[in-house]
C-alpha atoms as a PDB file:
ATOM      1  CA  MET A   1      -0.047  -0.007  -0.015  1.00  0.00           C
ATOM      2  CA  ALA A   2       1.413   3.401  -1.063  1.00  0.00           C
ATOM      3  CA  SER A   3       1.732   5.983   1.558  1.00  0.00           C
ATOM      4  CA  GLU A   4       0.977   9.719   1.088  1.00  0.00           C
ATOM      5  CA  GLU A   5       4.002  11.903   0.822  1.00  0.00           C
ATOM      6  CA  ALA A   6       4.879  14.048   3.795  1.00  0.00           C
ATOM      7  CA  PRO A   7       3.744  17.640   3.383  1.00  0.00           C
ATOM      8  CA  THR A   8       6.432  20.121   2.371  1.00  0.00           C
ATOM      9  CA  ARG A   9       7.364  22.897   4.745  1.00  0.00           C
ATOM     10  CA  ARG A  10       5.381  25.272   2.589  1.00  0.00           C
ATOM     11  CA  GLU A  11       2.265  22.996   2.817  1.00  0.00           C
ATOM     12  CA  GLN A  12       2.735  22.690   6.503  1.00  0.00           C
ATOM     13  CA  ILE A  13       2.875  26.475   6.929  1.00  0.00           C
ATOM     14  CA  LEU A  14      -0.272  26.808   4.842  1.00  0.00           C
ATOM     15  CA  ALA A  15      -2.154  24.145   6.843  1.00  0.00           C
ATOM     16  CA  THR A  16      -1.016  25.538  10.209  1.00  0.00           C
ATOM     17  CA  ALA A  17      -1.877  29.157   9.066  1.00  0.00           C
ATOM     18  CA  ALA A  18      -5.391  27.978   8.062  1.00  0.00           C
ATOM     19  CA  GLU A  19      -6.036  26.547  11.520  1.00  0.00           C
ATOM     20  CA  MET A  20      -4.517  29.542  13.306  1.00  0.00           C
ATOM     21  CA  PHE A  21      -6.350  32.106  11.183  1.00  0.00           C
ATOM     22  CA  ALA A  22      -9.613  30.234  11.613  1.00  0.00           C
ATOM     23  CA  ALA A  23      -9.162  30.160  15.419  1.00  0.00           C
ATOM     24  CA  ARG A  24      -7.828  33.714  15.948  1.00  0.00           C
ATOM     25  CA  GLY A  25      -8.348  35.651  12.801  1.00  0.00           C
ATOM     26  CA  PHE A  26      -5.774  36.751  10.273  1.00  0.00           C
ATOM     27  CA  HIS A  27      -4.873  39.815  12.295  1.00  0.00           C
ATOM     28  CA  GLY A  28      -4.768  37.780  15.539  1.00  0.00           C
ATOM     29  CA  VAL A  29      -1.830  35.759  14.321  1.00  0.00           C
ATOM     30  CA  SER A  30       1.670  37.200  14.075  1.00  0.00           C
ATOM     31  CA  VAL A  31       4.464  35.925  11.831  1.00  0.00           C
ATOM     32  CA  ALA A  32       6.287  34.857  15.037  1.00  0.00           C
ATOM     33  CA  ASP A  33       3.177  32.889  16.174  1.00  0.00           C
ATOM     34  CA  LEU A  34       2.959  31.211  12.903  1.00  0.00           C
ATOM     35  CA  GLY A  35       6.684  30.403  12.699  1.00  0.00           C
ATOM     36  CA  SER A  36       6.593  29.010  16.271  1.00  0.00           C
ATOM     37  CA  ALA A  37       3.642  26.802  15.574  1.00  0.00           C
ATOM     38  CA  CYS A  38       5.560  25.463  12.500  1.00  0.00           C
ATOM     39  CA  GLY A  39       8.713  24.859  14.542  1.00  0.00           C
ATOM     40  CA  ILE A  40      10.695  27.684  12.890  1.00  0.00           C
ATOM     41  CA  SER A  41      11.484  31.287  13.754  1.00  0.00           C
ATOM     42  CA  GLY A  42       9.216  34.031  12.484  1.00  0.00           C
ATOM     43  CA  PRO A  43      12.016  35.422  10.147  1.00  0.00           C
ATOM     44  CA  ALA A  44      12.583  31.886   8.797  1.00  0.00           C
ATOM     45  CA  LEU A  45       8.944  32.016   7.488  1.00  0.00           C
ATOM     46  CA  TYR A  46      10.129  34.565   4.936  1.00  0.00           C
ATOM     47  CA  LYS A  47      12.215  31.889   3.231  1.00  0.00           C
ATOM     48  CA  HIS A  48       8.914  30.331   2.153  1.00  0.00           C
ATOM     49  CA  PHE A  49       6.549  33.294   1.818  1.00  0.00           C
ATOM     50  CA  ALA A  50       7.162  37.083   1.270  1.00  0.00           C
ATOM     51  CA  SER A  51       4.670  38.031   3.879  1.00  0.00           C
ATOM     52  CA  LYS A  52       1.820  36.932   6.032  1.00  0.00           C
ATOM     53  CA  ASP A  53      -0.438  38.428   3.341  1.00  0.00           C
ATOM     54  CA  ALA A  54       1.239  36.109   0.850  1.00  0.00           C
ATOM     55  CA  VAL A  55       0.418  33.149   3.059  1.00  0.00           C
ATOM     56  CA  LEU A  56      -3.281  34.087   3.086  1.00  0.00           C
ATOM     57  CA  ALA A  57      -3.223  34.785  -0.675  1.00  0.00           C
ATOM     58  CA  GLU A  58      -1.688  31.456  -1.568  1.00  0.00           C
ATOM     59  CA  MET A  59      -4.008  29.546   0.796  1.00  0.00           C
ATOM     60  CA  LEU A  60      -7.187  31.033  -0.746  1.00  0.00           C
ATOM     61  CA  VAL A  61      -5.940  31.050  -4.365  1.00  0.00           C
ATOM     62  CA  ASP A  62      -4.708  27.480  -4.225  1.00  0.00           C
ATOM     63  CA  ILE A  63      -7.883  26.108  -2.723  1.00  0.00           C
ATOM     64  CA  SER A  64      -9.977  27.950  -5.321  1.00  0.00           C
ATOM     65  CA  VAL A  65      -7.878  26.512  -8.097  1.00  0.00           C
ATOM     66  CA  ARG A  66      -8.185  23.001  -6.622  1.00  0.00           C
ATOM     67  CA  LEU A  67     -12.025  23.303  -6.258  1.00  0.00           C
ATOM     68  CA  LEU A  68     -12.310  24.261  -9.906  1.00  0.00           C
ATOM     69  CA  GLU A  69      -9.798  21.683 -11.148  1.00  0.00           C
ATOM     70  CA  VAL A  70     -11.380  18.750  -9.341  1.00  0.00           C
ATOM     71  CA  GLY A  71     -14.893  20.062 -10.193  1.00  0.00           C
ATOM     72  CA  ARG A  72     -14.028  20.148 -13.918  1.00  0.00           C
ATOM     73  CA  ALA A  73     -12.588  16.634 -13.664  1.00  0.00           C
ATOM     74  CA  ARG A  74     -15.798  15.398 -12.009  1.00  0.00           C
ATOM     75  CA  VAL A  75     -17.906  16.944 -14.759  1.00  0.00           C
ATOM     76  CA  GLU A  76     -15.667  15.493 -17.556  1.00  0.00           C
ATOM     77  CA  ALA A  77     -15.810  12.040 -16.009  1.00  0.00           C
ATOM     78  CA  ALA A  78     -19.622  12.048 -15.557  1.00  0.00           C
ATOM     79  CA  ASP A  79     -22.199  10.242 -17.537  1.00  0.00           C
ATOM     80  CA  GLY A  80     -24.536  13.234 -18.085  1.00  0.00           C
ATOM     81  CA  PRO A  81     -25.512  16.293 -16.047  1.00  0.00           C
ATOM     82  CA  GLN A  82     -27.217  14.451 -13.219  1.00  0.00           C
ATOM     83  CA  ASP A  83     -24.119  12.308 -12.604  1.00  0.00           C
ATOM     84  CA  ALA A  84     -21.989  15.485 -12.913  1.00  0.00           C
ATOM     85  CA  LEU A  85     -24.050  17.284 -10.335  1.00  0.00           C
ATOM     86  CA  ARG A  86     -23.781  14.342  -7.985  1.00  0.00           C
ATOM     87  CA  GLY A  87     -20.048  14.315  -8.491  1.00  0.00           C
ATOM     88  CA  LEU A  88     -19.807  18.059  -7.746  1.00  0.00           C
ATOM     89  CA  VAL A  89     -21.892  17.835  -4.630  1.00  0.00           C
ATOM     90  CA  ASP A  90     -19.874  14.846  -3.335  1.00  0.00           C
ATOM     91  CA  TRP A  91     -16.575  16.648  -4.069  1.00  0.00           C
ATOM     92  CA  HIS A  92     -17.732  19.874  -2.381  1.00  0.00           C
ATOM     93  CA  VAL A  93     -19.061  18.023   0.717  1.00  0.00           C
ATOM     94  CA  ASP A  94     -15.781  16.130   0.968  1.00  0.00           C
ATOM     95  CA  PHE A  95     -13.821  19.380   0.649  1.00  0.00           C
ATOM     96  CA  ALA A  96     -16.015  21.185   3.240  1.00  0.00           C
ATOM     97  CA  LEU A  97     -15.630  18.420   5.772  1.00  0.00           C
ATOM     98  CA  ARG A  98     -11.853  18.320   5.415  1.00  0.00           C
ATOM     99  CA  HIS A  99     -11.247  22.087   5.219  1.00  0.00           C
ATOM    100  CA  ARG A 100     -13.547  23.674   7.728  1.00  0.00           C
ATOM    101  CA  ALA A 101     -10.712  26.117   8.704  1.00  0.00           C
ATOM    102  CA  LEU A 102     -10.416  27.386   5.129  1.00  0.00           C
ATOM    103  CA  ILE A 103     -14.176  28.013   5.026  1.00  0.00           C
ATOM    104  CA  ILE A 104     -13.894  30.134   8.123  1.00  0.00           C
ATOM    105  CA  VAL A 105     -10.828  32.035   6.838  1.00  0.00           C
ATOM    106  CA  GLN A 106     -12.490  32.738   3.461  1.00  0.00           C
ATOM    107  CA  ASP A 107     -15.647  34.069   5.230  1.00  0.00           C
ATOM    108  CA  ARG A 108     -14.054  36.081   7.959  1.00  0.00           C
ATOM    109  CA  ASP A 109     -10.720  37.263   6.535  1.00  0.00           C
ATOM    110  CA  TRP A 110     -11.743  38.026   2.901  1.00  0.00           C
ATOM    111  CA  GLU A 111     -11.070  41.747   3.335  1.00  0.00           C
ATOM    112  CA  SER A 112      -7.533  41.010   4.459  1.00  0.00           C
ATOM    113  CA  LEU A 113      -6.722  39.264   1.103  1.00  0.00           C
ATOM    114  CA  PRO A 114      -4.524  41.404  -1.141  1.00  0.00           C
ATOM    115  CA  ALA A 115      -6.451  42.997  -4.004  1.00  0.00           C
ATOM    116  CA  ASP A 116      -4.758  40.998  -6.749  1.00  0.00           C
ATOM    117  CA  ALA A 117      -5.349  37.717  -5.021  1.00  0.00           C
ATOM    118  CA  ARG A 118      -8.992  38.706  -4.248  1.00  0.00           C
ATOM    119  CA  ALA A 119      -9.556  39.298  -7.905  1.00  0.00           C
ATOM    120  CA  ARG A 120      -7.949  35.959  -8.841  1.00  0.00           C
ATOM    121  CA  VAL A 121     -10.044  34.102  -6.238  1.00  0.00           C
ATOM    122  CA  ARG A 122     -13.234  35.839  -7.408  1.00  0.00           C
ATOM    123  CA  GLY A 123     -12.452  34.789 -11.042  1.00  0.00           C
ATOM    124  CA  LEU A 124     -11.911  31.169  -9.984  1.00  0.00           C
ATOM    125  CA  GLN A 125     -15.027  31.143  -7.841  1.00  0.00           C
ATOM    126  CA  ARG A 126     -17.150  32.547 -10.713  1.00  0.00           C
ATOM    127  CA  ALA A 127     -15.860  29.770 -12.984  1.00  0.00           C
ATOM    128  CA  TYR A 128     -16.667  27.182 -10.270  1.00  0.00           C
ATOM    129  CA  VAL A 129     -20.197  28.592  -9.821  1.00  0.00           C
ATOM    130  CA  ASP A 130     -20.694  28.530 -13.571  1.00  0.00           C
ATOM    131  CA  LEU A 131     -19.504  24.914 -13.714  1.00  0.00           C
ATOM    132  CA  TRP A 132     -22.372  24.072 -11.385  1.00  0.00           C
ATOM    133  CA  ALA A 133     -24.811  26.455 -13.179  1.00  0.00           C
ATOM    134  CA  ASP A 134     -24.159  24.789 -16.522  1.00  0.00           C
ATOM    135  CA  GLN A 135     -25.001  21.320 -15.136  1.00  0.00           C
ATOM    136  CA  LEU A 136     -28.121  22.756 -13.358  1.00  0.00           C
ATOM    137  CA  ARG A 137     -29.261  24.316 -16.673  1.00  0.00           C
ATOM    138  CA  LEU A 138     -28.896  20.999 -18.467  1.00  0.00           C
ATOM    139  CA  LEU A 139     -31.047  19.404 -15.812  1.00  0.00           C
ATOM    140  CA  HIS A 140     -33.636  22.220 -15.560  1.00  0.00           C
ATOM    141  CA  ARG A 141     -34.172  23.273 -19.243  1.00  0.00           C
ATOM    142  CA  ASP A 142     -36.161  26.483 -18.323  1.00  0.00           C
ATOM    143  CA  LEU A 143     -33.561  27.683 -15.771  1.00  0.00           C
ATOM    144  CA  ASP A 144     -31.868  31.004 -16.589  1.00  0.00           C
ATOM    145  CA  LEU A 145     -28.172  31.556 -15.780  1.00  0.00           C
ATOM    146  CA  THR A 146     -28.831  33.947 -12.931  1.00  0.00           C
ATOM    147  CA  THR A 147     -31.186  31.511 -11.133  1.00  0.00           C
ATOM    148  CA  ALA A 148     -28.799  28.620 -11.780  1.00  0.00           C
ATOM    149  CA  ARG A 149     -25.989  30.624 -10.219  1.00  0.00           C
ATOM    150  CA  ALA A 150     -28.214  31.446  -7.243  1.00  0.00           C
ATOM    151  CA  MET A 151     -29.028  27.778  -6.793  1.00  0.00           C
ATOM    152  CA  ALA A 152     -25.312  26.920  -6.820  1.00  0.00           C
ATOM    153  CA  HIS A 153     -24.597  29.600  -4.230  1.00  0.00           C
ATOM    154  CA  ALA A 154     -27.419  28.336  -2.022  1.00  0.00           C
ATOM    155  CA  ALA A 155     -26.010  24.841  -2.200  1.00  0.00           C
ATOM    156  CA  PHE A 156     -22.600  26.158  -1.255  1.00  0.00           C
ATOM    157  CA  GLY A 157     -24.143  27.896   1.751  1.00  0.00           C
ATOM    158  CA  LEU A 158     -25.688  24.654   2.861  1.00  0.00           C
ATOM    159  CA  ILE A 159     -22.511  22.582   2.324  1.00  0.00           C
ATOM    160  CA  ASN A 160     -20.157  25.252   3.675  1.00  0.00           C
ATOM    161  CA  SER A 161     -22.091  25.253   6.960  1.00  0.00           C
ATOM    162  CA  THR A 162     -19.777  22.467   8.139  1.00  0.00           C
ATOM    163  CA  PRO A 163     -17.848  24.703  10.633  1.00  0.00           C
ATOM    164  CA  ARG A 164     -21.169  25.327  12.441  1.00  0.00           C
ATOM    165  CA  THR A 165     -22.999  22.022  12.225  1.00  0.00           C
ATOM    166  CA  GLY A 166     -22.513  20.875  15.796  1.00  0.00           C
ATOM    167  CA  PRO A 167     -21.668  17.456  17.141  1.00  0.00           C
ATOM    168  CA  LEU A 168     -23.030  15.262  14.266  1.00  0.00           C
ATOM    169  CA  ALA A 169     -20.274  12.830  13.288  1.00  0.00           C
ATOM    170  CA  ASP A 170     -18.626  13.480   9.856  1.00  0.00           C
ATOM    171  CA  PRO A 171     -19.874  10.342   8.132  1.00  0.00           C
ATOM    172  CA  SER A 172     -23.498  11.118   9.116  1.00  0.00           C
ATOM    173  CA  LEU A 173     -23.029  14.795   8.258  1.00  0.00           C
ATOM    174  CA  HIS A 174     -21.491  13.857   4.930  1.00  0.00           C
ATOM    175  CA  ASP A 175     -24.555  11.792   4.001  1.00  0.00           C
ATOM    176  CA  LEU A 176     -26.964  14.360   5.311  1.00  0.00           C
ATOM    177  CA  LEU A 177     -25.398  17.245   3.294  1.00  0.00           C
ATOM    178  CA  ILE A 178     -25.266  15.251   0.065  1.00  0.00           C
ATOM    179  CA  GLU A 179     -28.948  14.233   0.504  1.00  0.00           C
ATOM    180  CA  MET A 180     -30.049  17.806   1.330  1.00  0.00           C
ATOM    181  CA  ALA A 181     -28.064  19.384  -1.532  1.00  0.00           C
ATOM    182  CA  LEU A 182     -29.267  16.843  -4.131  1.00  0.00           C
ATOM    183  CA  ARG A 183     -32.863  17.252  -3.053  1.00  0.00           C
ATOM    184  CA  ALA A 184     -32.536  21.002  -3.518  1.00  0.00           C
ATOM    185  CA  LEU A 185     -30.730  20.791  -6.861  1.00  0.00           C
ATOM    186  CA  LEU A 186     -32.105  17.866  -8.792  1.00  0.00           C
ATOM    187  CA  PRO A 187     -35.341  17.991 -10.636  1.00  0.00           C
ATOM    188  CA  PRO A 188     -38.340  16.292  -8.886  1.00  0.00           C
ATOM    189  CA  GLY A 189     -38.724  12.623  -9.557  1.00  0.00           C
END
């Protein structure tokens, strides 16, 4: 059985930063705090990232790229729009359960994201929403693009509630979120 590769120092910094930013807010974490949590000095962090802002930017840009890339792969591998939508829902639920901290950081620290990174993330997010909207419009023939996008955003709101869902165990929550999202998105019957 193949084992997963150990995370690089850069990946470790990003994962640690996500947890710390989620717990204390972007402005509540210093470079020294982040370095210490990663087992390095604050100044050593600058060997990996130009600034704390660069950590936040890479964190949110990278996850937006990943959501879109995997989403596109799910659609391409699907046998039709219903299968594609199921693949998208399953992927997004898996992501939301594994990356609760990133959801919190995205929601709370958006304004701290440098403008160029914010524009890049918004562009990637629009493409991801449209990926969902395209499948919804294939399933609901009378659906206009604006409504399809609104449906996708509503589904994201449901799925991205994972940081606030309480004590329900992840396997049960996974199944519940998938069932609820698909009921909301798929045509009746």
